[in-house]
Amino acid sequence: MHQDDRKAKSHVCLICHRDLRYELSIRRLIKEEQICSSCLSQFEIMDSSSLFLGYHLHVLYYYNTFFKSLLFSYKGQYDYVLKEAFLLPFIESIKKKYEQYMVVCVPSNHATNLKRGFAPVASIAMTFSHHVFQGLYKKEDYKQTDHSFKEREGVKNVIMLKGGEFLRGKKLLLFDDVMTSGETMKRCVSLCAAYDPACIEILVLSSRYDWKGRDV
């Protein structure tokens, strides 16, 4: 796992390492956020709500070049402290809205997580909730980016669920970092819905497009 002390240095931007003591803004005076205004401005906010398989879907950002690079630093270069960067400026509203929900994390490859030293989606989820469920898992290595949109339907044979009885009767929030074809989320919704939860909502950090009006 990548190690540094940016978390302890509240005056340093988590993303670009810029010294925040030289940046004065009303925003930083009100909320001592650990991201500089330049980095914040590169998040392309979507903040879109729509339906996915009849369930409420909320997408926060467009998957632009900046977001792709940030995810690579976090997931590909094991920069763990970046887990704090993704939910600004939504963190307070998300904490309040989903306080009573069990956050169900869409899984990544277990072997890769062991190498990283952390599970990327679950680590972000833990920044806004103490109720995080990691029972969804991949029984084998499977990367969506290695397959065409048509081939991605095969993910339904890869993602499995253990401990599903724990979800019965609970409010569930399915959480993922990127949504592309939607096949992974379809599988996760199907597995969770089989245990008759009180409700299911979906929160995704980013997508290339707005899902409003799409036939899903």
Protein backbone atom coordinates (compact mmCIF):
# COMPACT_ATOMS: atom_id res chain seq x y z
CA MET A 1 0.00 0.00 0.00
CA HIS A 2 1.24 3.46 -0.87
CA GLN A 3 2.26 5.36 2.22
CA ASP A 4 2.58 9.09 2.82
CA ASP A 5 1.58 11.60 5.46
CA ARG A 6 -0.74 13.90 3.49
CA LYS A 7 -3.60 12.89 5.80
CA ALA A 8 -1.70 14.42 8.71
CA LYS A 9 -0.73 17.53 6.74
CA SER A 10 -4.08 19.32 6.52
CA HIS A 11 -2.44 22.16 4.63
CA VAL A 12 -1.51 19.96 1.64
CA CYS A 13 -3.91 19.11 -1.19
CA LEU A 14 -4.57 15.36 -1.24
CA ILE A 15 -4.48 15.27 -5.03
CA CYS A 16 -1.82 17.67 -6.34
CA HIS A 17 0.11 18.19 -3.03
CA ARG A 18 -0.23 21.97 -3.36
CA ASP A 19 0.26 23.93 -0.14
CA LEU A 20 -3.23 25.11 0.84
CA ARG A 21 -1.95 27.76 3.23
CA TYR A 22 -1.45 30.02 0.23
CA GLU A 23 -5.00 29.57 -0.98
CA LEU A 24 -7.63 31.74 0.65
CA SER A 25 -11.28 31.20 -0.22
CA ILE A 26 -14.68 31.49 1.44
CA ARG A 27 -15.13 27.76 0.89
CA ARG A 28 -11.95 26.86 2.77
CA LEU A 29 -12.77 29.28 5.59
CA ILE A 30 -16.15 27.58 6.09
CA LYS A 31 -15.00 24.01 5.50
CA GLU A 32 -11.34 23.11 5.84
CA GLU A 33 -11.36 20.78 2.85
CA GLN A 34 -8.11 19.10 1.95
CA ILE A 35 -8.40 19.67 -1.80
CA CYS A 36 -7.34 22.84 -3.58
CA SER A 37 -9.76 24.87 -5.70
CA SER A 38 -7.95 23.90 -8.90
CA CYS A 39 -8.47 20.18 -8.29
CA LEU A 40 -12.05 20.71 -7.13
CA SER A 41 -12.83 22.55 -10.35
CA GLN A 42 -11.76 19.55 -12.43
CA PHE A 43 -14.49 17.33 -10.98
CA GLU A 44 -17.24 17.55 -13.60
CA ILE A 45 -20.38 17.31 -11.50
CA MET A 46 -23.34 15.39 -12.93
CA ASP A 47 -25.45 15.01 -9.76
CA SER A 48 -28.09 13.10 -11.72
CA SER A 49 -30.98 11.00 -10.45
CA SER A 50 -32.77 8.42 -12.58
CA LEU A 51 -34.18 4.89 -12.45
CA PHE A 52 -32.18 1.72 -13.02
CA LEU A 53 -34.18 -1.51 -13.08
CA GLY A 54 -36.86 0.44 -11.23
CA TYR A 55 -34.48 1.47 -8.44
CA HIS A 56 -33.31 5.00 -7.70
CA LEU A 57 -29.85 5.68 -9.21
CA HIS A 58 -27.75 8.70 -8.28
CA VAL A 59 -24.54 9.49 -10.22
CA LEU A 60 -22.27 12.21 -8.86
CA TYR A 61 -19.70 12.95 -11.59
CA TYR A 62 -18.95 12.55 -15.26
CA TYR A 63 -16.12 10.11 -15.89
CA ASN A 64 -13.78 12.69 -17.44
CA THR A 65 -10.02 12.59 -17.92
CA PHE A 66 -9.36 14.07 -14.48
CA PHE A 67 -11.56 11.53 -12.72
CA LYS A 68 -10.01 8.66 -14.67
CA SER A 69 -6.53 9.82 -13.66
CA LEU A 70 -7.58 10.21 -10.03
CA LEU A 71 -9.00 6.68 -9.96
CA PHE A 72 -5.78 5.33 -11.46
CA SER A 73 -3.69 7.00 -8.75
CA TYR A 74 -5.99 5.58 -6.10
CA LYS A 75 -6.56 2.07 -7.45
CA GLY A 76 -3.59 1.52 -9.76
CA GLN A 77 -0.88 3.25 -7.73
CA TYR A 78 -2.34 2.34 -4.31
CA ASP A 79 -2.61 5.95 -3.13
CA TYR A 80 -4.90 5.11 -0.21
CA VAL A 81 -5.31 8.62 1.19
CA LEU A 82 -7.19 9.61 -1.96
CA LYS A 83 -10.23 7.79 -0.58
CA GLU A 84 -11.03 11.09 1.15
CA ALA A 85 -11.10 13.04 -2.12
CA PHE A 86 -13.94 11.50 -4.09
CA LEU A 87 -17.05 12.58 -2.24
CA LEU A 88 -16.45 16.30 -1.92
CA PRO A 89 -18.63 18.34 -2.11
CA PHE A 90 -21.32 15.74 -1.37
CA ILE A 91 -20.04 14.15 1.83
CA GLU A 92 -22.33 15.82 4.38
CA SER A 93 -25.53 15.31 2.40
CA ILE A 94 -24.62 11.68 1.65
CA LYS A 95 -23.88 10.95 5.32
CA LYS A 96 -27.26 12.36 6.31
CA LYS A 97 -29.29 10.76 3.52
CA TYR A 98 -27.89 7.24 3.90
CA GLU A 99 -27.40 7.18 7.67
CA GLN A 100 -29.91 4.34 8.07
CA TYR A 101 -28.71 2.32 5.06
CA MET A 102 -26.43 -0.68 4.77
CA VAL A 103 -23.85 0.21 2.11
CA VAL A 104 -23.28 -2.77 -0.18
CA CYS A 105 -20.03 -2.40 -2.11
CA VAL A 106 -19.64 -3.58 -5.68
CA PRO A 107 -16.59 -5.88 -5.56
CA SER A 108 -13.17 -5.67 -7.13
CA ASN A 109 -10.71 -8.55 -7.57
CA HIS A 110 -9.67 -10.06 -4.24
CA ALA A 111 -6.07 -10.80 -5.25
CA THR A 112 -5.59 -7.22 -6.44
CA ASN A 113 -7.05 -5.88 -3.19
CA LEU A 114 -4.57 -7.97 -1.22
CA LYS A 115 -1.74 -6.44 -3.25
CA ARG A 116 -3.10 -2.93 -2.70
CA GLY A 117 -3.72 -3.51 0.97
CA PHE A 118 -7.27 -2.16 0.72
CA ALA A 119 -10.57 -2.58 -1.13
CA PRO A 120 -11.05 0.67 -3.10
CA VAL A 121 -14.85 0.97 -3.16
CA ALA A 122 -15.28 -0.18 0.43
CA SER A 123 -12.62 2.27 1.64
CA ILE A 124 -14.50 5.18 0.06
CA ALA A 125 -17.78 3.87 1.51
CA MET A 126 -16.24 3.93 4.98
CA THR A 127 -15.69 7.69 4.69
CA PHE A 128 -19.46 8.23 4.89
CA SER A 129 -20.86 5.14 6.64
CA HIS A 130 -20.11 2.75 9.50
CA HIS A 131 -22.45 0.16 7.99
CA VAL A 132 -20.52 -1.32 5.07
CA PHE A 133 -21.23 -4.81 3.70
CA GLN A 134 -18.60 -6.59 1.58
CA GLY A 135 -20.39 -9.87 0.90
CA LEU A 136 -20.41 -9.37 -2.86
CA TYR A 137 -17.30 -10.90 -4.41
CA LYS A 138 -15.76 -12.02 -7.70
CA LYS A 139 -15.08 -15.73 -7.86
CA GLU A 140 -12.39 -15.11 -10.49
CA ASP A 141 -10.41 -12.24 -11.98
CA TYR A 142 -12.65 -10.31 -14.37
CA LYS A 143 -12.08 -6.77 -15.62
CA GLN A 144 -14.90 -5.07 -17.50
CA THR A 145 -12.43 -2.99 -19.48
CA ASP A 146 -11.01 -6.19 -21.01
CA HIS A 147 -14.35 -7.03 -22.65
CA SER A 148 -16.69 -5.49 -25.22
CA PHE A 149 -20.06 -4.16 -24.06
CA LYS A 150 -21.73 -7.35 -25.30
CA GLU A 151 -19.19 -9.59 -23.57
CA ARG A 152 -19.68 -7.74 -20.29
CA GLU A 153 -22.89 -9.66 -19.74
CA GLY A 154 -20.56 -12.47 -18.65
CA VAL A 155 -20.01 -10.67 -15.34
CA LYS A 156 -23.22 -12.33 -14.10
CA ASN A 157 -21.28 -15.59 -13.91
CA VAL A 158 -18.45 -14.02 -11.93
CA ILE A 159 -20.03 -11.94 -9.15
CA MET A 160 -21.45 -13.89 -6.22
CA LEU A 161 -22.89 -13.07 -2.79
CA LYS A 162 -22.15 -14.56 0.61
CA GLY A 163 -23.95 -13.71 3.84
CA GLY A 164 -27.01 -12.49 1.98
CA GLU A 165 -29.36 -13.21 4.89
CA PHE A 166 -27.76 -10.26 6.67
CA LEU A 167 -29.40 -7.98 4.07
CA ARG A 168 -32.95 -9.18 4.60
CA GLY A 169 -35.33 -6.40 5.61
CA LYS A 170 -32.63 -3.72 5.54
CA LYS A 171 -32.39 -0.50 3.53
CA LEU A 172 -29.58 -1.07 1.04
CA LEU A 173 -27.35 1.36 -0.83
CA LEU A 174 -25.43 -0.30 -3.66
CA PHE A 175 -22.22 1.67 -4.14
CA ASP A 176 -19.67 1.68 -6.98
CA ASP A 177 -17.00 3.99 -8.39
CA VAL A 178 -17.71 3.76 -12.15
CA MET A 179 -20.75 2.61 -14.14
CA THR A 180 -20.29 1.84 -17.83
CA SER A 181 -22.53 -0.81 -19.42
CA GLY A 182 -24.50 -1.35 -16.21
CA GLU A 183 -24.05 -5.14 -16.35
CA THR A 184 -22.13 -5.32 -13.08
CA MET A 185 -24.79 -3.29 -11.30
CA LYS A 186 -27.57 -5.45 -12.77
CA ARG A 187 -25.93 -8.52 -11.29
CA CYS A 188 -25.43 -6.89 -7.89
CA VAL A 189 -29.02 -5.64 -7.77
CA SER A 190 -30.32 -9.10 -8.68
CA LEU A 191 -28.29 -10.83 -5.98
CA CYS A 192 -29.30 -8.38 -3.27
CA ALA A 193 -32.98 -8.20 -4.25
CA ALA A 194 -33.27 -11.97 -3.78
CA TYR A 195 -33.03 -11.42 -0.01
CA ASP A 196 -36.07 -9.13 0.16
CA PRO A 197 -34.46 -5.94 1.53
CA ALA A 198 -36.68 -3.07 2.69
CA CYS A 199 -35.46 -1.02 -0.28
CA ILE A 200 -32.54 -0.66 -2.67
CA GLU A 201 -30.93 2.56 -3.87
CA ILE A 202 -27.83 2.93 -6.03
CA LEU A 203 -25.03 5.48 -5.67
CA VAL A 204 -22.28 5.66 -8.30
CA LEU A 205 -19.37 8.07 -8.23
CA SER A 206 -19.02 8.46 -12.00
CA SER A 207 -20.28 7.53 -15.44
CA ARG A 208 -19.53 8.64 -18.98
CA TYR A 209 -23.14 9.68 -19.48
CA ASP A 210 -26.36 10.58 -17.72
CA TRP A 211 -28.62 7.53 -17.31
CA LYS A 212 -31.85 9.54 -17.56
CA GLY A 213 -34.10 8.24 -20.31
CA ARG A 214 -32.06 5.11 -20.91
CA ASP A 215 -33.98 1.88 -21.30
CA VAL A 216 -32.69 -0.15 -18.36
